Every structure is written in structure tokens, then in C-alpha cells.
Amino acid sequence: MIDELRIQATPAARAALTAVRAREGGQVMLVQSGGCCAGSVPMCFLDGEYLTGDGDVLLGDVDGAPFYIEATLDRALGHPSFVLDIAPGGPEGFSLGTIEGGHFVSRSEACLISDETP
């Protein structure tokens, strides 16, 4: 069973997802990065482009876009809830960026996961 309250989104993130789906011609998916290559930001892919497996947890979806996190990372962070948002600047790694030149970030009370620089 999916806990729908573990992923929410700001209006800006919802608008960005709508724009990315229109640009890419299909549904997208989000995968919370563990910080290895792309920092600790959610990566945005065309739906099905990132292969999930038994080690991935589906936290829910944002307007039809599934949001996954790796089970070990989820446990290490204490099974937090996330809020999907956007920030200025291009995406990291292989993630799709937003229309306005931004990228997706996730925020949590358990830990701040974003790319904000002190």
C-alpha cells in the first residue's frame, strides 16, 4: 500500500511537471537520488526510462508521476515525507529539467535534500 502523504508537491512543481510532460510527450517519473552522482535531488525521467526493482520504494505520485526512493536510503533517512519543489539552475546528471531552466528538488523535515549552496 502506498502512503500518499509521503510525497506532496508545491504548485510550482505541479506546473513544472505538466510543462515537462507536454514538452516530452508523455508521463514522467521521479527517483530520489542517494547523493552519489547527482547530489541528493530527485531525478526526473520519462516514465519507465529508469528501471526500478525490489530495492525501490514507491512513495506515491504527483499528478500521475510516480516518485521512488531506494529502500536503504529511505530507511537511513527515517522514512521521511517529501515535498517536491523546483529551484533555479539546470538539472544534474541525466535528469530532465523544467521548461524555465530549473530543476526539481525535494524537501523534508527529516533532512533538507536540495542543492542550495550555503
PDB file of N, CA and C in Angstrom:
ATOM      1  N   MET A   1       0.840  -1.187   0.000  1.00  0.00           N
ATOM      2  CA  MET A   1       0.000   0.000   0.000  1.00  0.00           C
ATOM      3  C   MET A   1       0.882   1.247   0.000  1.00  0.00           C
ATOM      4  N   ILE A   2       0.533   2.214  -0.777  1.00  0.00           N
ATOM      5  CA  ILE A   2       1.298   3.451  -0.892  1.00  0.00           C
ATOM      6  C   ILE A   2       0.774   4.450   0.126  1.00  0.00           C
ATOM      7  N   ASP A   3       1.678   5.081   0.852  1.00  0.00           N
ATOM      8  CA  ASP A   3       1.315   6.133   1.789  1.00  0.00           C
ATOM      9  C   ASP A   3       1.316   7.446   1.020  1.00  0.00           C
ATOM     10  N   GLU A   4       0.147   7.887   0.612  1.00  0.00           N
ATOM     11  CA  GLU A   4       0.031   9.073  -0.245  1.00  0.00           C
ATOM     12  C   GLU A   4       0.573  10.343   0.409  1.00  0.00           C
ATOM     13  N   LEU A   5       0.687  10.368   1.730  1.00  0.00           N
ATOM     14  CA  LEU A   5       1.157  11.564   2.407  1.00  0.00           C
ATOM     15  C   LEU A   5       2.670  11.675   2.441  1.00  0.00           C
ATOM     16  N   ARG A   6       3.381  10.697   1.904  1.00  0.00           N
ATOM     17  CA  ARG A   6       4.850  10.764   1.926  1.00  0.00           C
ATOM     18  C   ARG A   6       5.408  11.614   0.797  1.00  0.00           C
ATOM     19  N   ILE A   7       4.600  11.922  -0.208  1.00  0.00           N
ATOM     20  CA  ILE A   7       5.048  12.824  -1.275  1.00  0.00           C
ATOM     21  C   ILE A   7       3.937  13.819  -1.575  1.00  0.00           C
ATOM     22  N   GLN A   8       4.294  15.072  -1.506  1.00  0.00           N
ATOM     23  CA  GLN A   8       3.403  16.157  -1.863  1.00  0.00           C
ATOM     24  C   GLN A   8       4.182  17.060  -2.807  1.00  0.00           C
ATOM     25  N   ALA A   9       3.532  18.068  -3.351  1.00  0.00           N
ATOM     26  CA  ALA A   9       4.223  18.962  -4.288  1.00  0.00           C
ATOM     27  C   ALA A   9       3.683  20.372  -4.168  1.00  0.00           C
ATOM     28  N   THR A  10       4.563  21.324  -4.399  1.00  0.00           N
ATOM     29  CA  THR A  10       4.165  22.726  -4.440  1.00  0.00           C
ATOM     30  C   THR A  10       3.438  22.982  -5.756  1.00  0.00           C
ATOM     31  N   PRO A  11       2.664  24.053  -5.815  1.00  0.00           N
ATOM     32  CA  PRO A  11       2.033  24.405  -7.088  1.00  0.00           C
ATOM     33  C   PRO A  11       3.063  24.608  -8.213  1.00  0.00           C
ATOM     34  N   ALA A  12       4.219  25.175  -7.879  1.00  0.00           N
ATOM     35  CA  ALA A  12       5.260  25.385  -8.896  1.00  0.00           C
ATOM     36  C   ALA A  12       5.764  24.052  -9.447  1.00  0.00           C
ATOM     37  N   ALA A  13       5.947  23.058  -8.570  1.00  0.00           N
ATOM     38  CA  ALA A  13       6.406  21.746  -9.028  1.00  0.00           C
ATOM     39  C   ALA A  13       5.344  21.068  -9.892  1.00  0.00           C
ATOM     40  N   ARG A  14       4.078  21.198  -9.502  1.00  0.00           N
ATOM     41  CA  ARG A  14       2.993  20.605 -10.300  1.00  0.00           C
ATOM     42  C   ARG A  14       2.940  21.238 -11.692  1.00  0.00           C
ATOM     43  N   ALA A  15       3.084  22.558 -11.746  1.00  0.00           N
ATOM     44  CA  ALA A  15       3.092  23.249 -13.041  1.00  0.00           C
ATOM     45  C   ALA A  15       4.295  22.816 -13.877  1.00  0.00           C
ATOM     46  N   ALA A  16       5.448  22.655 -13.233  1.00  0.00           N
ATOM     47  CA  ALA A  16       6.648  22.226 -13.948  1.00  0.00           C
ATOM     48  C   ALA A  16       6.472  20.814 -14.497  1.00  0.00           C
ATOM     49  N   LEU A  17       5.875  19.918 -13.720  1.00  0.00           N
ATOM     50  CA  LEU A  17       5.623  18.553 -14.207  1.00  0.00           C
ATOM     51  C   LEU A  17       4.707  18.566 -15.423  1.00  0.00           C
ATOM     52  N   THR A  18       3.668  19.385 -15.372  1.00  0.00           N
ATOM     53  CA  THR A  18       2.747  19.500 -16.511  1.00  0.00           C
ATOM     54  C   THR A  18       3.493  19.969 -17.752  1.00  0.00           C
ATOM     55  N   ALA A  19       4.357  20.973 -17.577  1.00  0.00           N
ATOM     56  CA  ALA A  19       5.120  21.514 -18.710  1.00  0.00           C
ATOM     57  C   ALA A  19       6.117  20.491 -19.250  1.00  0.00           C
ATOM     58  N   VAL A  20       6.787  19.761 -18.366  1.00  0.00           N
ATOM     59  CA  VAL A  20       7.759  18.747 -18.808  1.00  0.00           C
ATOM     60  C   VAL A  20       7.046  17.633 -19.558  1.00  0.00           C
ATOM     61  N   ARG A  21       5.893  17.186 -19.049  1.00  0.00           N
ATOM     62  CA  ARG A  21       5.126  16.145 -19.767  1.00  0.00           C
ATOM     63  C   ARG A  21       4.726  16.620 -21.154  1.00  0.00           C
ATOM     64  N   ALA A  22       4.300  17.874 -21.270  1.00  0.00           N
ATOM     65  CA  ALA A  22       3.920  18.414 -22.587  1.00  0.00           C
ATOM     66  C   ALA A  22       5.131  18.467 -23.512  1.00  0.00           C
ATOM     67  N   ARG A  23       6.252  18.917 -23.007  1.00  0.00           N
ATOM     68  CA  ARG A  23       7.470  19.008 -23.817  1.00  0.00           C
ATOM     69  C   ARG A  23       7.965  17.638 -24.255  1.00  0.00           C
ATOM     70  N   GLU A  24       7.942  16.661 -23.329  1.00  0.00           N
ATOM     71  CA  GLU A  24       8.485  15.332 -23.604  1.00  0.00           C
ATOM     72  C   GLU A  24       7.486  14.396 -24.273  1.00  0.00           C
ATOM     73  N   GLY A  25       6.221  14.776 -24.291  1.00  0.00           N
ATOM     74  CA  GLY A  25       5.212  13.966 -24.969  1.00  0.00           C
ATOM     75  C   GLY A  25       4.768  12.732 -24.200  1.00  0.00           C
ATOM     76  N   GLY A  26       4.881  12.751 -22.871  1.00  0.00           N
ATOM     77  CA  GLY A  26       4.434  11.604 -22.089  1.00  0.00           C
ATOM     78  C   GLY A  26       4.653  11.801 -20.607  1.00  0.00           C
ATOM     79  N   GLN A  27       4.222  10.810 -19.850  1.00  0.00           N
ATOM     80  CA  GLN A  27       4.337  10.847 -18.393  1.00  0.00           C
ATOM     81  C   GLN A  27       5.797  10.739 -17.967  1.00  0.00           C
ATOM     82  N   VAL A  28       6.106  11.294 -16.814  1.00  0.00           N
ATOM     83  CA  VAL A  28       7.444  11.225 -16.255  1.00  0.00           C
ATOM     84  C   VAL A  28       7.399  10.513 -14.911  1.00  0.00           C
ATOM     85  N   MET A  29       8.566  10.170 -14.411  1.00  0.00           N
ATOM     86  CA  MET A  29       8.714   9.557 -13.093  1.00  0.00           C
ATOM     87  C   MET A  29       9.834  10.273 -12.367  1.00  0.00           C
ATOM     88  N   LEU A  30       9.823  10.199 -11.043  1.00  0.00           N
ATOM     89  CA  LEU A  30      10.849  10.837 -10.226  1.00  0.00           C
ATOM     90  C   LEU A  30      11.487   9.794  -9.333  1.00  0.00           C
ATOM     91  N   VAL A  31      12.808   9.892  -9.191  1.00  0.00           N
ATOM     92  CA  VAL A  31      13.559   8.964  -8.363  1.00  0.00           C
ATOM     93  C   VAL A  31      14.461   9.798  -7.457  1.00  0.00           C
ATOM     94  N   GLN A  32      14.271   9.644  -6.137  1.00  0.00           N
ATOM     95  CA  GLN A  32      15.094  10.393  -5.191  1.00  0.00           C
ATOM     96  C   GLN A  32      16.517   9.859  -5.233  1.00  0.00           C
ATOM     97  N   SER A  33      17.456  10.728  -5.559  1.00  0.00           N
ATOM     98  CA  SER A  33      18.855  10.343  -5.653  1.00  0.00           C
ATOM     99  C   SER A  33      19.444  10.151  -4.263  1.00  0.00           C
ATOM    100  N   GLY A  34      20.389   9.239  -4.182  1.00  0.00           N
ATOM    101  CA  GLY A  34      21.074   8.991  -2.922  1.00  0.00           C
ATOM    102  C   GLY A  34      22.291   9.859  -2.715  1.00  0.00           C
ATOM    103  N   GLY A  35      22.635  10.702  -3.652  1.00  0.00           N
ATOM    104  CA  GLY A  35      23.740  11.608  -3.459  1.00  0.00           C
ATOM    105  C   GLY A  35      25.050  11.194  -4.100  1.00  0.00           C
ATOM    106  N   CYS A  36      25.118  10.047  -4.747  1.00  0.00           N
ATOM    107  CA  CYS A  36      26.373   9.566  -5.330  1.00  0.00           C
ATOM    108  C   CYS A  36      26.831  10.452  -6.478  1.00  0.00           C
ATOM    109  N   CYS A  37      26.059  10.512  -7.517  1.00  0.00           N
ATOM    110  CA  CYS A  37      26.486  11.213  -8.733  1.00  0.00           C
ATOM    111  C   CYS A  37      25.771  12.536  -8.942  1.00  0.00           C
ATOM    112  N   ALA A  38      24.533  12.628  -8.512  1.00  0.00           N
ATOM    113  CA  ALA A  38      23.744  13.805  -8.833  1.00  0.00           C
ATOM    114  C   ALA A  38      23.357  14.601  -7.601  1.00  0.00           C
ATOM    115  N   GLY A  39      24.107  14.488  -6.532  1.00  0.00           N
ATOM    116  CA  GLY A  39      23.678  15.161  -5.321  1.00  0.00           C
ATOM    117  C   GLY A  39      22.453  14.448  -4.779  1.00  0.00           C
ATOM    118  N   SER A  40      21.768  15.060  -3.879  1.00  0.00           N
ATOM    119  CA  SER A  40      20.592  14.441  -3.282  1.00  0.00           C
ATOM    120  C   SER A  40      19.334  15.129  -3.777  1.00  0.00           C
ATOM    121  N   VAL A  41      19.138  15.078  -5.056  1.00  0.00           N
ATOM    122  CA  VAL A  41      17.966  15.694  -5.665  1.00  0.00           C
ATOM    123  C   VAL A  41      17.155  14.615  -6.375  1.00  0.00           C
ATOM    124  N   PRO A  42      15.862  14.847  -6.542  1.00  0.00           N
ATOM    125  CA  PRO A  42      15.093  13.872  -7.305  1.00  0.00           C
ATOM    126  C   PRO A  42      15.446  13.982  -8.787  1.00  0.00           C
ATOM    127  N   MET A  43      15.615  12.853  -9.403  1.00  0.00           N
ATOM    128  CA  MET A  43      15.907  12.803 -10.833  1.00  0.00           C
ATOM    129  C   MET A  43      14.581  12.597 -11.563  1.00  0.00           C
ATOM    130  N   CYS A  44      14.382  13.292 -12.653  1.00  0.00           N
ATOM    131  CA  CYS A  44      13.155  13.209 -13.434  1.00  0.00           C
ATOM    132  C   CYS A  44      13.472  12.529 -14.769  1.00  0.00           C
ATOM    133  N   PHE A  45      12.727  11.459 -15.058  1.00  0.00           N
ATOM    134  CA  PHE A  45      12.910  10.686 -16.289  1.00  0.00           C
ATOM    135  C   PHE A  45      11.563  10.490 -16.977  1.00  0.00           C
ATOM    136  N   LEU A  46      11.588  10.152 -18.247  1.00  0.00           N
ATOM    137  CA  LEU A  46      10.366   9.673 -18.884  1.00  0.00           C
ATOM    138  C   LEU A  46       9.938   8.408 -18.157  1.00  0.00           C
ATOM    139  N   ASP A  47       8.654   8.218 -17.977  1.00  0.00           N
ATOM    140  CA  ASP A  47       8.156   7.067 -17.235  1.00  0.00           C
ATOM    141  C   ASP A  47       8.680   5.778 -17.855  1.00  0.00           C
ATOM    142  N   GLY A  48       9.295   4.933 -17.032  1.00  0.00           N
ATOM    143  CA  GLY A  48       9.850   3.671 -17.488  1.00  0.00           C
ATOM    144  C   GLY A  48      11.283   3.746 -17.948  1.00  0.00           C
ATOM    145  N   GLU A  49      11.842   4.945 -18.093  1.00  0.00           N
ATOM    146  CA  GLU A  49      13.225   5.105 -18.551  1.00  0.00           C
ATOM    147  C   GLU A  49      14.224   4.697 -17.473  1.00  0.00           C
ATOM    148  N   TYR A  50      13.838   4.805 -16.221  1.00  0.00           N
ATOM    149  CA  TYR A  50      14.662   4.367 -15.094  1.00  0.00           C
ATOM    150  C   TYR A  50      14.052   3.063 -14.599  1.00  0.00           C
ATOM    151  N   LEU A  51      14.829   2.012 -14.591  1.00  0.00           N
ATOM    152  CA  LEU A  51      14.301   0.712 -14.181  1.00  0.00           C
ATOM    153  C   LEU A  51      14.316   0.587 -12.666  1.00  0.00           C
ATOM    154  N   THR A  52      13.144   0.414 -12.094  1.00  0.00           N
ATOM    155  CA  THR A  52      13.031   0.209 -10.655  1.00  0.00           C
ATOM    156  C   THR A  52      12.973  -1.284 -10.380  1.00  0.00           C
ATOM    157  N   GLY A  53      13.282  -1.643  -9.138  1.00  0.00           N
ATOM    158  CA  GLY A  53      13.270  -3.055  -8.759  1.00  0.00           C
ATOM    159  C   GLY A  53      12.811  -3.234  -7.333  1.00  0.00           C
ATOM    160  N   ASP A  54      13.095  -4.412  -6.794  1.00  0.00           N
ATOM    161  CA  ASP A  54      12.666  -4.760  -5.443  1.00  0.00           C
ATOM    162  C   ASP A  54      13.266  -3.843  -4.388  1.00  0.00           C
ATOM    163  N   GLY A  55      14.376  -3.199  -4.696  1.00  0.00           N
ATOM    164  CA  GLY A  55      15.040  -2.316  -3.737  1.00  0.00           C
ATOM    165  C   GLY A  55      14.537  -0.893  -3.759  1.00  0.00           C
ATOM    166  N   ASP A  56      13.495  -0.632  -4.542  1.00  0.00           N
ATOM    167  CA  ASP A  56      12.945   0.714  -4.642  1.00  0.00           C
ATOM    168  C   ASP A  56      11.568   0.763  -3.996  1.00  0.00           C
ATOM    169  N   VAL A  57      11.281   1.874  -3.336  1.00  0.00           N
ATOM    170  CA  VAL A  57      10.009   2.079  -2.651  1.00  0.00           C
ATOM    171  C   VAL A  57       9.236   3.160  -3.397  1.00  0.00           C
ATOM    172  N   LEU A  58       7.998   2.870  -3.740  1.00  0.00           N
ATOM    173  CA  LEU A  58       7.127   3.862  -4.360  1.00  0.00           C
ATOM    174  C   LEU A  58       6.463   4.656  -3.246  1.00  0.00           C
ATOM    175  N   LEU A  59       6.801   5.944  -3.133  1.00  0.00           N
ATOM    176  CA  LEU A  59       6.237   6.784  -2.081  1.00  0.00           C
ATOM    177  C   LEU A  59       4.857   7.300  -2.430  1.00  0.00           C
ATOM    178  N   GLY A  60       4.512   7.273  -3.691  1.00  0.00           N
ATOM    179  CA  GLY A  60       3.244   7.817  -4.167  1.00  0.00           C
ATOM    180  C   GLY A  60       3.466   8.440  -5.521  1.00  0.00           C
ATOM    181  N   ASP A  61       2.570   9.317  -5.893  1.00  0.00           N
ATOM    182  CA  ASP A  61       2.756  10.010  -7.170  1.00  0.00           C
ATOM    183  C   ASP A  61       2.306  11.454  -7.037  1.00  0.00           C
ATOM    184  N   VAL A  62       2.804  12.247  -7.959  1.00  0.00           N
ATOM    185  CA  VAL A  62       2.424  13.647  -8.060  1.00  0.00           C
ATOM    186  C   VAL A  62       1.750  13.808  -9.409  1.00  0.00           C
ATOM    187  N   ASP A  63       0.448  13.974  -9.377  1.00  0.00           N
ATOM    188  CA  ASP A  63      -0.334  14.135 -10.604  1.00  0.00           C
ATOM    189  C   ASP A  63      -0.027  13.040 -11.623  1.00  0.00           C
ATOM    190  N   GLY A  64       0.079  11.823 -11.152  1.00  0.00           N
ATOM    191  CA  GLY A  64       0.321  10.676 -12.025  1.00  0.00           C
ATOM    192  C   GLY A  64       1.774  10.315 -12.223  1.00  0.00           C
ATOM    193  N   ALA A  65       2.688  11.165 -11.783  1.00  0.00           N
ATOM    194  CA  ALA A  65       4.124  10.880 -11.916  1.00  0.00           C
ATOM    195  C   ALA A  65       4.587  10.126 -10.672  1.00  0.00           C
ATOM    196  N   PRO A  66       4.961   8.841 -10.799  1.00  0.00           N
ATOM    197  CA  PRO A  66       5.401   8.088  -9.626  1.00  0.00           C
ATOM    198  C   PRO A  66       6.700   8.652  -9.064  1.00  0.00           C
ATOM    199  N   PHE A  67       6.838   8.561  -7.731  1.00  0.00           N
ATOM    200  CA  PHE A  67       8.008   9.065  -7.028  1.00  0.00           C
ATOM    201  C   PHE A  67       8.596   7.922  -6.218  1.00  0.00           C
ATOM    202  N   TYR A  68       9.831   7.528  -6.536  1.00  0.00           N
ATOM    203  CA  TYR A  68      10.504   6.398  -5.904  1.00  0.00           C
ATOM    204  C   TYR A  68      11.691   6.858  -5.072  1.00  0.00           C
ATOM    205  N   ILE A  69      12.052   6.024  -4.093  1.00  0.00           N
ATOM    206  CA  ILE A  69      13.273   6.199  -3.326  1.00  0.00           C
ATOM    207  C   ILE A  69      13.850   4.807  -3.088  1.00  0.00           C
ATOM    208  N   GLU A  70      15.157   4.700  -3.075  1.00  0.00           N
ATOM    209  CA  GLU A  70      15.803   3.415  -2.812  1.00  0.00           C
ATOM    210  C   GLU A  70      15.541   3.038  -1.352  1.00  0.00           C
ATOM    211  N   ALA A  71      15.193   1.793  -1.090  1.00  0.00           N
ATOM    212  CA  ALA A  71      14.765   1.340   0.239  1.00  0.00           C
ATOM    213  C   ALA A  71      15.817   1.603   1.319  1.00  0.00           C
ATOM    214  N   THR A  72      17.081   1.381   1.020  1.00  0.00           N
ATOM    215  CA  THR A  72      18.136   1.602   2.006  1.00  0.00           C
ATOM    216  C   THR A  72      18.228   3.076   2.380  1.00  0.00           C
ATOM    217  N   LEU A  73      18.138   3.964   1.394  1.00  0.00           N
ATOM    218  CA  LEU A  73      18.158   5.398   1.650  1.00  0.00           C
ATOM    219  C   LEU A  73      16.932   5.799   2.460  1.00  0.00           C
ATOM    220  N   ASP A  74      15.778   5.253   2.112  1.00  0.00           N
ATOM    221  CA  ASP A  74      14.543   5.543   2.829  1.00  0.00           C
ATOM    222  C   ASP A  74      14.689   5.188   4.310  1.00  0.00           C
ATOM    223  N   ARG A  75      15.229   4.008   4.581  1.00  0.00           N
ATOM    224  CA  ARG A  75      15.448   3.587   5.978  1.00  0.00           C
ATOM    225  C   ARG A  75      16.459   4.494   6.672  1.00  0.00           C
ATOM    226  N   ALA A  76      17.543   4.807   5.988  1.00  0.00           N
ATOM    227  CA  ALA A  76      18.592   5.642   6.581  1.00  0.00           C
ATOM    228  C   ALA A  76      18.075   7.036   6.944  1.00  0.00           C
ATOM    229  N   LEU A  77      17.152   7.536   6.160  1.00  0.00           N
ATOM    230  CA  LEU A  77      16.592   8.863   6.418  1.00  0.00           C
ATOM    231  C   LEU A  77      15.432   8.821   7.402  1.00  0.00           C
ATOM    232  N   GLY A  78      15.009   7.628   7.808  1.00  0.00           N
ATOM    233  CA  GLY A  78      13.917   7.506   8.770  1.00  0.00           C
ATOM    234  C   GLY A  78      12.539   7.539   8.153  1.00  0.00           C
ATOM    235  N   HIS A  79      12.417   7.114   6.896  1.00  0.00           N
ATOM    236  CA  HIS A  79      11.131   7.050   6.182  1.00  0.00           C
ATOM    237  C   HIS A  79      10.419   8.409   6.163  1.00  0.00           C
ATOM    238  N   PRO A  80      11.101   9.445   5.708  1.00  0.00           N
ATOM    239  CA  PRO A  80      10.502  10.786   5.747  1.00  0.00           C
ATOM    240  C   PRO A  80       9.453  10.995   4.659  1.00  0.00           C
ATOM    241  N   SER A  81       8.691  12.055   4.848  1.00  0.00           N
ATOM    242  CA  SER A  81       7.808  12.570   3.802  1.00  0.00           C
ATOM    243  C   SER A  81       8.583  13.641   3.052  1.00  0.00           C
ATOM    244  N   PHE A  82       8.250  13.834   1.786  1.00  0.00           N
ATOM    245  CA  PHE A  82       8.931  14.816   0.954  1.00  0.00           C
ATOM    246  C   PHE A  82       7.937  15.778   0.330  1.00  0.00           C
ATOM    247  N   VAL A  83       8.419  16.973   0.050  1.00  0.00           N
ATOM    248  CA  VAL A  83       7.673  17.952  -0.736  1.00  0.00           C
ATOM    249  C   VAL A  83       8.505  18.230  -1.982  1.00  0.00           C
ATOM    250  N   LEU A  84       7.935  17.949  -3.144  1.00  0.00           N
ATOM    251  CA  LEU A  84       8.598  18.220  -4.413  1.00  0.00           C
ATOM    252  C   LEU A  84       8.452  19.702  -4.733  1.00  0.00           C
ATOM    253  N   ASP A  85       9.557  20.314  -5.129  1.00  0.00           N
ATOM    254  CA  ASP A  85       9.562  21.734  -5.458  1.00  0.00           C
ATOM    255  C   ASP A  85      10.510  21.932  -6.635  1.00  0.00           C
ATOM    256  N   ILE A  86      10.709  23.160  -7.039  1.00  0.00           N
ATOM    257  CA  ILE A  86      11.675  23.467  -8.100  1.00  0.00           C
ATOM    258  C   ILE A  86      12.645  24.528  -7.594  1.00  0.00           C
ATOM    259  N   ALA A  87      13.808  24.582  -8.233  1.00  0.00           N
ATOM    260  CA  ALA A  87      14.830  25.573  -7.919  1.00  0.00           C
ATOM    261  C   ALA A  87      15.455  26.025  -9.230  1.00  0.00           C
ATOM    262  N   PRO A  88      16.040  27.201  -9.242  1.00  0.00           N
ATOM    263  CA  PRO A  88      16.685  27.682 -10.467  1.00  0.00           C
ATOM    264  C   PRO A  88      17.950  26.893 -10.777  1.00  0.00           C
ATOM    265  N   GLY A  89      18.320  26.915 -12.029  1.00  0.00           N
ATOM    266  CA  GLY A  89      19.533  26.238 -12.470  1.00  0.00           C
ATOM    267  C   GLY A  89      19.204  24.928 -13.150  1.00  0.00           C
ATOM    268  N   GLY A  90      20.100  24.494 -13.987  1.00  0.00           N
ATOM    269  CA  GLY A  90      19.878  23.276 -14.752  1.00  0.00           C
ATOM    270  C   GLY A  90      19.894  22.024 -13.895  1.00  0.00           C
ATOM    271  N   PRO A  91      19.375  20.942 -14.450  1.00  0.00           N
ATOM    272  CA  PRO A  91      19.335  19.676 -13.721  1.00  0.00           C
ATOM    273  C   PRO A  91      20.717  19.044 -13.640  1.00  0.00           C
ATOM    274  N   GLU A  92      20.856  18.108 -12.704  1.00  0.00           N
ATOM    275  CA  GLU A  92      22.108  17.372 -12.558  1.00  0.00           C
ATOM    276  C   GLU A  92      21.965  16.003 -13.205  1.00  0.00           C
ATOM    277  N   GLY A  93      23.082  15.411 -13.565  1.00  0.00           N
ATOM    278  CA  GLY A  93      23.066  14.049 -14.096  1.00  0.00           C
ATOM    279  C   GLY A  93      22.228  13.921 -15.346  1.00  0.00           C
ATOM    280  N   PHE A  94      21.424  12.874 -15.386  1.00  0.00           N
ATOM    281  CA  PHE A  94      20.603  12.575 -16.555  1.00  0.00           C
ATOM    282  C   PHE A  94      19.166  13.046 -16.402  1.00  0.00           C
ATOM    283  N   SER A  95      18.879  13.822 -15.375  1.00  0.00           N
ATOM    284  CA  SER A  95      17.527  14.268 -15.085  1.00  0.00           C
ATOM    285  C   SER A  95      17.022  15.257 -16.135  1.00  0.00           C
ATOM    286  N   LEU A  96      15.724  15.182 -16.397  1.00  0.00           N
ATOM    287  CA  LEU A  96      15.073  16.187 -17.226  1.00  0.00           C
ATOM    288  C   LEU A  96      14.935  17.461 -16.406  1.00  0.00           C
ATOM    289  N   GLY A  97      15.149  18.588 -17.034  1.00  0.00           N
ATOM    290  CA  GLY A  97      14.967  19.867 -16.358  1.00  0.00           C
ATOM    291  C   GLY A  97      13.577  20.411 -16.615  1.00  0.00           C
ATOM    292  N   THR A  98      13.252  21.484 -15.938  1.00  0.00           N
ATOM    293  CA  THR A  98      11.962  22.127 -16.141  1.00  0.00           C
ATOM    294  C   THR A  98      12.033  23.018 -17.370  1.00  0.00           C
ATOM    295  N   ILE A  99      10.909  23.484 -17.822  1.00  0.00           N
ATOM    296  CA  ILE A  99      10.831  24.344 -19.007  1.00  0.00           C
ATOM    297  C   ILE A  99      11.589  25.658 -18.797  1.00  0.00           C
ATOM    298  N   GLU A 100      11.482  26.199 -17.588  1.00  0.00           N
ATOM    299  CA  GLU A 100      12.064  27.514 -17.305  1.00  0.00           C
ATOM    300  C   GLU A 100      13.551  27.457 -16.960  1.00  0.00           C
ATOM    301  N   GLY A 101      14.217  26.339 -17.201  1.00  0.00           N
ATOM    302  CA  GLY A 101      15.633  26.228 -16.905  1.00  0.00           C
ATOM    303  C   GLY A 101      15.922  25.863 -15.465  1.00  0.00           C
ATOM    304  N   GLY A 102      14.921  25.372 -14.762  1.00  0.00           N
ATOM    305  CA  GLY A 102      15.108  24.964 -13.373  1.00  0.00           C
ATOM    306  C   GLY A 102      15.263  23.466 -13.258  1.00  0.00           C
ATOM    307  N   HIS A 103      15.221  22.990 -12.038  1.00  0.00           N
ATOM    308  CA  HIS A 103      15.309  21.563 -11.767  1.00  0.00           C
ATOM    309  C   HIS A 103      14.464  21.246 -10.534  1.00  0.00           C
ATOM    310  N   PHE A 104      14.152  19.988 -10.363  1.00  0.00           N
ATOM    311  CA  PHE A 104      13.339  19.559  -9.237  1.00  0.00           C
ATOM    312  C   PHE A 104      14.218  19.387  -8.000  1.00  0.00           C
ATOM    313  N   VAL A 105      13.660  19.718  -6.846  1.00  0.00           N
ATOM    314  CA  VAL A 105      14.297  19.482  -5.553  1.00  0.00           C
ATOM    315  C   VAL A 105      13.249  18.851  -4.649  1.00  0.00           C
ATOM    316  N   SER A 106      13.714  18.138  -3.637  1.00  0.00           N
ATOM    317  CA  SER A 106      12.790  17.603  -2.640  1.00  0.00           C
ATOM    318  C   SER A 106      13.203  18.131  -1.281  1.00  0.00           C
ATOM    319  N   ARG A 107      12.207  18.426  -0.496  1.00  0.00           N
ATOM    320  CA  ARG A 107      12.447  18.980   0.829  1.00  0.00           C
ATOM    321  C   ARG A 107      11.760  18.071   1.851  1.00  0.00           C
ATOM    322  N   SER A 108      12.363  17.969   3.022  1.00  0.00           N
ATOM    323  CA  SER A 108      11.826  17.113   4.065  1.00  0.00           C
ATOM    324  C   SER A 108      12.174  17.696   5.421  1.00  0.00           C
ATOM    325  N   GLU A 109      11.282  17.499   6.389  1.00  0.00           N
ATOM    326  CA  GLU A 109      11.585  17.939   7.743  1.00  0.00           C
ATOM    327  C   GLU A 109      12.703  17.086   8.349  1.00  0.00           C
ATOM    328  N   ALA A 110      12.786  15.813   7.922  1.00  0.00           N
ATOM    329  CA  ALA A 110      13.817  14.920   8.459  1.00  0.00           C
ATOM    330  C   ALA A 110      15.206  15.363   8.040  1.00  0.00           C
ATOM    331  N   CYS A 111      15.306  15.889   6.841  1.00  0.00           N
ATOM    332  CA  CYS A 111      16.576  16.395   6.335  1.00  0.00           C
ATOM    333  C   CYS A 111      16.269  17.279   5.150  1.00  0.00           C
ATOM    334  N   LEU A 112      17.061  18.265   4.948  1.00  0.00           N
ATOM    335  CA  LEU A 112      16.893  19.126   3.792  1.00  0.00           C
ATOM    336  C   LEU A 112      17.645  18.490   2.649  1.00  0.00           C
ATOM    337  N   ILE A 113      16.911  18.075   1.618  1.00  0.00           N
ATOM    338  CA  ILE A 113      17.550  17.482   0.446  1.00  0.00           C
ATOM    339  C   ILE A 113      17.307  18.437  -0.702  1.00  0.00           C
ATOM    340  N   SER A 114      18.311  19.158  -1.034  1.00  0.00           N
ATOM    341  CA  SER A 114      18.231  20.116  -2.126  1.00  0.00           C
ATOM    342  C   SER A 114      19.631  20.406  -2.591  1.00  0.00           C
ATOM    343  N   ASP A 115      19.728  21.368  -3.445  1.00  0.00           N
ATOM    344  CA  ASP A 115      21.050  21.742  -3.933  1.00  0.00           C
ATOM    345  C   ASP A 115      21.394  23.150  -3.488  1.00  0.00           C
ATOM    346  N   GLU A 116      20.741  23.656  -2.471  1.00  0.00           N
ATOM    347  CA  GLU A 116      21.013  25.003  -2.015  1.00  0.00           C
ATOM    348  C   GLU A 116      22.441  25.082  -1.493  1.00  0.00           C
ATOM    349  N   THR A 117      23.144  26.098  -1.908  1.00  0.00           N
ATOM    350  CA  THR A 117      24.532  26.278  -1.507  1.00  0.00           C
ATOM    351  C   THR A 117      24.584  27.295  -0.362  1.00  0.00           C
ATOM    352  N   PRO A 118      25.310  26.981   0.707  1.00  0.00           N
ATOM    353  CA  PRO A 118      25.380  27.935   1.848  1.00  0.00           C
ATOM    354  C   PRO A 118      26.035  29.234   1.450  1.00  0.00           C
TER     355      PRO A 118
END
